Every structure is written in structure tokens, then in C-alpha cells.
Amino acid sequence: MLLAIDAGNTNIVFAVCEGETIRAQWRAATKTTRTADEYAAWLKEMLGLDNLRFSDLDACIIASVIPAALFDLRSLCRRYLHFEPLVIGDPDVDLGISIHVDRPAAVGADRVVNTVAAHAMYPGALIVVDFGTATTFDVVSAGGDYEGGVIAPGVNVSAEALHQAAAMLPRVAIERTQAVIGKDTVPAMQSGLYWGYIGLIEGLVSRIKTEYGQPMTVIATGGLAALFHKQVPAIDHLNRDLTIQGLIQIYARNAKRRAAT
């Protein structure tokens, strides 16, 4: 079975995949101080909850936007799983797409992986909106190539910045308010964050579609996508596992290529 690891700025997702099926999935907080040994102890415990063991894993693929975490994730695979992981961004990894931006190497691994998965699953030109630490809007051509995108602050980052910058404003939970006009500080902040963020999503999707000049399907993914997608008619599909599905596809592509050589 394949171990797919998506290391983001806030969380690291570990998924055990059998063919195209995600058999088990766990999420851990991203900590750059966590060692390979700590990852191994935690992962062994999680595997056991699903009646799995290290010996059930025979391959690994990693997408990481945290350079400091990548060393220990590689070490986890080498020392405890006894194989070399496939890492998105390494020169020998075939993505099967072209990246049409000024500096292709600077595009986050998760955004590239999302592009691969979205093109395989949805027809035509696409906008992939990934709700994470940052909220990214990525444009995928009808041919499956990455065409660029937009990076905006994530809603949790915005909430924390508001609290840090204003002495009288507390930390608040991100949630939908029944009224836009708040009658106290907390609901007023929650309204600004939630409905203001919906305005950001709708506005950027509309401008991207106008600039691109073609019909586009909008896919939402990421940890906070479920909180917003029902309130945004412009979002056509919610796919929580898009990044893991992309990792599965990229691994299969490269395994097939290696088997043929």
C-alpha cells in the first residue's frame, strides 16, 4: 500500500492508499521540530487504530511546502519503512503537466498536485480554490497545465492578524453568522471574517473567469472549504481529498514509467 503525505503549513496529512482508494487518513499539526522518530511513533499508533502496520506499506510519496519538515519525513521513510520516498519537486518526478509561470520551481507542491488531480477528475478549464493557511486560486487549462493563480491570506490568518493588531479585539471562531450586521464585538468580527471572505472568493473567481475568457469549473478543497462552499454558488464541487488523490495519480504515473524502463 502507498503512504501519501501532504505536509502543509498548518497540518500534515498522512493517508494510506490501496490503488485509488484512501483506506485511512490522519492529520497532525505541523511542527518543524518533530523528528523522524516522533513521526514514526505517532504513525505507528495511528496505523494500529486501523489494524495496519509499517510492513503493510511498500511505497511513499510526499508533497511538502515545509522544507524544514521534509528532511525528517524522508528519514521516516528510510529508517522505519525501508524505502526511498517519491518527493514532488525532485527532478526525476514526472508530473505529466506543464507549469506556465515565470518560475515553475516556486509553485507550491500542493498546488501542482491539486492541478494534476483536478484535471483528471473534472473536464475543461478549472479554478481550484484551496482553503488552507493561505487561500489559493489556481488556474488549470483544459489540457491540464498549470496557468498561474492568486494567493490570499487564509481566513484563520486574517482572524489572528486582527486579534494581534487591535488590542480590544479577541480571538474568535470562524463561523457563519445569521446576520451580517453584528450587535456586539464578537459577532461583528465573525461577520466580517465570514461574509467578507465570501466576498473575496466570489470577487476573485469572477475576475479570474473574466480575465481567462473561457467557461471554468470551480473546485474547492482544503480544511476550511466545507465552511464556505454552500454559501458560494460559484463553487461547483467540493473535494476534500483532492491533494491526496493527486499524489496517488502522480505515484502511479511514475511507478508505471519506472516499470517500463
Protein backbone atom coordinates (compact mmCIF):
# COMPACT_ATOMS: atom_id res chain seq x y z
CA MET A 1 0.00 0.00 0.00
CA LEU A 2 1.00 3.60 -0.63
CA LEU A 3 1.63 6.15 2.10
CA ALA A 4 0.76 9.62 0.77
CA ILE A 5 1.95 12.59 2.84
CA ASP A 6 0.73 16.15 2.31
CA ALA A 7 2.79 18.48 4.52
CA GLY A 8 1.17 21.90 4.72
CA ASN A 9 1.87 24.97 6.81
CA THR A 10 -0.78 24.13 9.42
CA ASN A 11 -1.29 20.37 9.20
CA ILE A 12 0.40 17.28 7.81
CA VAL A 13 -1.96 14.68 6.36
CA PHE A 14 -0.92 11.02 6.20
CA ALA A 15 -3.08 8.75 4.04
CA VAL A 16 -2.80 5.02 3.41
CA CYS A 17 -3.97 4.25 -0.12
CA GLU A 18 -4.81 0.97 -1.77
CA GLY A 19 -4.99 1.54 -5.51
CA GLU A 20 -7.13 4.66 -5.91
CA THR A 21 -8.92 4.08 -2.58
CA ILE A 22 -7.96 6.05 0.52
CA ARG A 23 -8.12 3.38 3.19
CA ALA A 24 -7.17 5.51 6.20
CA GLN A 25 -6.25 9.14 6.78
CA TRP A 26 -4.90 11.10 9.75
CA ARG A 27 -3.97 14.71 10.38
CA ALA A 28 -1.23 16.07 12.65
CA ALA A 29 -0.26 19.64 13.48
CA THR A 30 2.76 20.81 11.53
CA LYS A 31 5.78 21.20 13.82
CA THR A 32 9.16 21.68 12.21
CA THR A 33 10.84 20.47 15.41
CA ARG A 34 9.25 17.00 15.14
CA THR A 35 11.87 14.33 14.43
CA ALA A 36 11.66 11.23 12.25
CA ASP A 37 11.44 9.14 15.41
CA GLU A 38 8.47 11.16 16.65
CA TYR A 39 6.73 10.84 13.29
CA ALA A 40 7.34 7.08 13.40
CA ALA A 41 5.94 6.66 16.92
CA TRP A 42 2.83 8.68 16.07
CA LEU A 43 2.29 6.98 12.72
CA LYS A 44 2.70 3.51 14.23
CA GLU A 45 -0.04 4.33 16.73
CA MET A 46 -2.37 5.67 14.03
CA LEU A 47 -1.80 2.66 11.80
CA GLY A 48 -2.64 0.35 14.68
CA LEU A 49 -6.02 2.02 15.13
CA ASP A 50 -6.89 0.80 11.63
CA ASN A 51 -5.26 -2.62 12.05
CA LEU A 52 -2.32 -1.65 9.85
CA ARG A 53 1.44 -1.93 10.34
CA PHE A 54 4.59 -0.45 8.82
CA SER A 55 5.06 -3.72 6.93
CA ASP A 56 1.80 -3.10 5.05
CA LEU A 57 3.35 -0.04 3.40
CA ASP A 58 5.52 -0.56 0.34
CA ALA A 59 5.85 2.96 -1.11
CA CYS A 60 5.56 6.62 -0.15
CA ILE A 61 5.00 9.92 -1.94
CA ILE A 62 5.42 13.32 -0.28
CA ALA A 63 4.24 16.82 -1.17
CA SER A 64 5.66 19.38 1.23
CA VAL A 65 5.64 23.16 1.41
CA ILE A 66 7.73 22.99 4.61
CA PRO A 67 11.41 22.49 3.73
CA ALA A 68 12.32 22.01 7.40
CA ALA A 69 9.87 19.08 7.71
CA LEU A 70 10.93 17.32 4.51
CA PHE A 71 14.25 16.05 5.88
CA ASP A 72 12.58 14.19 8.75
CA LEU A 73 9.76 12.87 6.55
CA ARG A 74 12.38 11.41 4.20
CA SER A 75 14.17 9.95 7.21
CA LEU A 76 10.91 8.40 8.43
CA CYS A 77 10.62 6.50 5.15
CA ARG A 78 14.26 5.44 5.03
CA ARG A 79 14.67 4.36 8.65
CA TYR A 80 11.30 2.89 9.52
CA LEU A 81 9.64 1.96 6.22
CA HIS A 82 12.88 0.96 4.46
CA PHE A 83 12.29 2.62 1.10
CA GLU A 84 13.05 5.92 -0.61
CA PRO A 85 10.03 8.22 -0.94
CA LEU A 86 8.97 9.93 -4.15
CA VAL A 87 9.03 13.69 -3.46
CA ILE A 88 7.14 16.27 -5.50
CA GLY A 89 9.67 18.76 -6.83
CA ASP A 90 12.53 16.29 -7.22
CA PRO A 91 13.87 16.43 -10.80
CA ASP A 92 13.14 12.77 -11.54
CA VAL A 93 9.42 13.01 -10.68
CA ASP A 94 7.19 13.15 -13.77
CA LEU A 95 4.06 15.23 -13.10
CA GLY A 96 2.58 14.83 -16.55
CA ILE A 97 1.75 18.55 -16.81
CA SER A 98 3.44 21.79 -17.82
CA ILE A 99 3.71 24.77 -15.48
CA HIS A 100 3.27 28.04 -17.37
CA VAL A 101 4.59 30.63 -14.91
CA ASP A 102 7.75 32.71 -14.65
CA ARG A 103 9.38 30.46 -12.03
CA PRO A 104 7.89 26.95 -12.15
CA ALA A 105 10.04 25.71 -9.28
CA ALA A 106 8.47 28.30 -6.97
CA VAL A 107 4.94 26.90 -7.33
CA GLY A 108 3.93 25.07 -4.15
CA ALA A 109 3.92 21.29 -4.33
CA ASP A 110 0.32 21.13 -3.14
CA ARG A 111 -0.84 23.46 -5.92
CA VAL A 112 0.85 21.33 -8.57
CA VAL A 113 -0.62 18.13 -7.12
CA ASN A 114 -4.10 19.70 -6.99
CA THR A 115 -3.73 20.61 -10.65
CA VAL A 116 -2.99 17.00 -11.59
CA ALA A 117 -5.94 15.64 -9.60
CA ALA A 118 -8.45 18.26 -10.71
CA HIS A 119 -7.68 17.78 -14.40
CA ALA A 120 -8.06 14.02 -14.07
CA MET A 121 -11.44 14.34 -12.37
CA TYR A 122 -13.17 17.34 -13.99
CA PRO A 123 -13.39 18.36 -17.66
CA GLY A 124 -12.48 21.70 -19.17
CA ALA A 125 -10.68 24.70 -17.70
CA LEU A 126 -10.71 24.86 -13.91
CA ILE A 127 -10.19 27.07 -10.88
CA VAL A 128 -9.00 25.14 -7.82
CA VAL A 129 -9.65 27.04 -4.58
CA ASP A 130 -7.63 25.56 -1.70
CA PHE A 131 -8.68 26.79 1.74
CA GLY A 132 -5.58 26.39 3.90
CA THR A 133 -3.19 28.64 5.80
CA ALA A 134 -3.33 30.71 2.64
CA THR A 135 -6.27 30.52 0.28
CA THR A 136 -5.03 29.84 -3.23
CA PHE A 137 -6.89 30.14 -6.52
CA ASP A 138 -5.16 28.07 -9.20
CA VAL A 139 -5.99 28.11 -12.89
CA VAL A 140 -5.84 24.82 -14.79
CA SER A 141 -6.15 24.79 -18.58
CA ALA A 142 -8.47 22.42 -20.39
CA GLY A 143 -5.32 20.50 -21.35
CA GLY A 144 -4.34 20.07 -17.69
CA ASP A 145 -1.50 22.57 -17.46
CA TYR A 146 -0.95 24.97 -14.56
CA GLU A 147 -1.53 28.54 -15.75
CA GLY A 148 -0.94 30.60 -12.60
CA GLY A 149 -3.13 31.79 -9.80
CA VAL A 150 -3.82 34.01 -6.82
CA ILE A 151 -2.62 33.75 -3.21
CA ALA A 152 -4.73 35.38 -0.49
CA PRO A 153 -4.44 35.23 3.31
CA GLY A 154 -6.32 32.30 4.81
CA VAL A 155 -9.32 33.17 6.95
CA ASN A 156 -7.63 31.93 10.14
CA VAL A 157 -4.56 34.02 9.34
CA SER A 158 -6.82 37.05 8.87
CA ALA A 159 -8.58 36.39 12.19
CA GLU A 160 -5.28 36.07 14.05
CA ALA A 161 -3.89 39.22 12.43
CA LEU A 162 -6.99 41.14 13.51
CA HIS A 163 -6.58 39.97 17.09
CA GLN A 164 -2.85 40.69 17.16
CA ALA A 165 -3.12 44.16 15.64
CA ALA A 166 -6.04 45.50 17.69
CA ALA A 167 -5.76 45.45 21.49
CA MET A 168 -9.52 45.32 22.10
CA LEU A 169 -10.36 42.58 19.61
CA PRO A 170 -10.40 38.98 20.88
CA ARG A 171 -9.68 35.74 19.08
CA VAL A 172 -12.88 34.43 17.53
CA ALA A 173 -14.03 31.19 15.94
CA ILE A 174 -14.66 31.30 12.20
CA GLU A 175 -18.35 30.57 11.69
CA ARG A 176 -21.34 31.69 9.67
CA THR A 177 -23.38 34.43 11.33
CA GLN A 178 -27.13 34.67 10.82
CA ALA A 179 -26.96 38.44 10.34
CA VAL A 180 -24.33 40.48 8.55
CA ILE A 181 -24.73 43.41 10.98
CA GLY A 182 -23.20 42.39 14.31
CA LYS A 183 -24.67 43.69 17.57
CA ASP A 184 -21.51 43.07 19.60
CA THR A 185 -17.78 42.82 19.00
CA VAL A 186 -17.54 39.05 18.51
CA PRO A 187 -20.45 38.66 16.06
CA ALA A 188 -19.26 41.78 14.22
CA MET A 189 -15.81 40.23 13.81
CA GLN A 190 -17.25 36.87 12.80
CA SER A 191 -19.44 38.54 10.20
CA GLY A 192 -16.54 40.50 8.76
CA LEU A 193 -14.39 37.41 8.54
CA TYR A 194 -17.03 35.03 7.18
CA TRP A 195 -19.07 37.23 4.83
CA GLY A 196 -16.05 39.33 3.91
CA TYR A 197 -14.26 36.15 2.93
CA ILE A 198 -17.19 35.04 0.80
CA GLY A 199 -17.00 38.40 -0.96
CA LEU A 200 -13.29 37.78 -1.58
CA ILE A 201 -13.97 34.31 -3.04
CA GLU A 202 -16.81 35.49 -5.28
CA GLY A 203 -14.89 38.53 -6.44
CA LEU A 204 -11.68 36.70 -7.30
CA VAL A 205 -13.47 33.80 -9.04
CA SER A 206 -15.43 36.29 -11.14
CA ARG A 207 -12.33 38.28 -12.10
CA ILE A 208 -10.34 35.14 -12.93
CA LYS A 209 -13.11 33.89 -15.21
CA THR A 210 -13.37 37.26 -16.95
CA GLU A 211 -9.60 37.51 -17.47
CA TYR A 212 -9.22 33.90 -18.62
CA GLY A 213 -12.07 34.29 -21.07
CA GLN A 214 -13.35 30.71 -21.03
CA PRO A 215 -16.03 28.76 -19.13
CA MET A 216 -14.44 27.39 -15.96
CA THR A 217 -15.45 24.86 -13.32
CA VAL A 218 -14.58 25.78 -9.72
CA ILE A 219 -13.33 23.10 -7.31
CA ALA A 220 -12.99 23.77 -3.56
CA THR A 221 -10.63 21.80 -1.34
CA GLY A 222 -8.69 22.23 1.89
CA GLY A 223 -9.53 22.18 5.56
CA LEU A 224 -11.98 25.10 5.61
CA ALA A 225 -13.63 24.50 2.24
CA ALA A 226 -16.73 22.88 3.74
CA LEU A 227 -17.41 26.02 5.79
CA PHE A 228 -17.79 28.19 2.71
CA HIS A 229 -18.79 26.18 -0.34
CA LYS A 230 -22.57 26.09 0.29
CA GLN A 231 -22.66 29.87 0.57
CA VAL A 232 -20.78 30.46 -2.68
CA PRO A 233 -22.81 29.49 -5.78
CA ALA A 234 -19.68 29.94 -7.92
CA ILE A 235 -18.14 26.81 -6.32
CA ASP A 236 -19.25 23.83 -8.40
CA HIS A 237 -17.66 20.94 -6.48
CA LEU A 238 -16.24 20.25 -3.02
CA ASN A 239 -13.42 17.68 -2.94
CA ARG A 240 -11.76 17.35 0.47
CA ASP A 241 -9.26 14.73 -0.70
CA LEU A 242 -8.05 16.40 -3.89
CA THR A 243 -4.39 16.64 -2.86
CA ILE A 244 -4.18 13.02 -1.72
CA GLN A 245 -5.88 11.90 -4.94
CA GLY A 246 -3.30 13.85 -6.92
CA LEU A 247 -0.49 12.18 -5.04
CA ILE A 248 -1.97 8.77 -5.82
CA GLN A 249 -2.10 9.64 -9.54
CA ILE A 250 1.44 11.01 -9.65
CA TYR A 251 2.81 7.97 -7.86
CA ALA A 252 1.01 5.61 -10.28
CA ARG A 253 2.35 7.54 -13.27
CA ASN A 254 5.93 7.33 -12.04
CA ALA A 255 5.66 3.69 -10.97
CA LYS A 256 4.41 2.80 -14.43
CA ARG A 257 7.25 4.75 -16.05
CA ARG A 258 9.87 3.02 -13.88
CA ALA A 259 8.39 -0.40 -14.58
CA ALA A 260 8.70 0.27 -18.32
CA THR A 261 12.41 1.14 -18.13
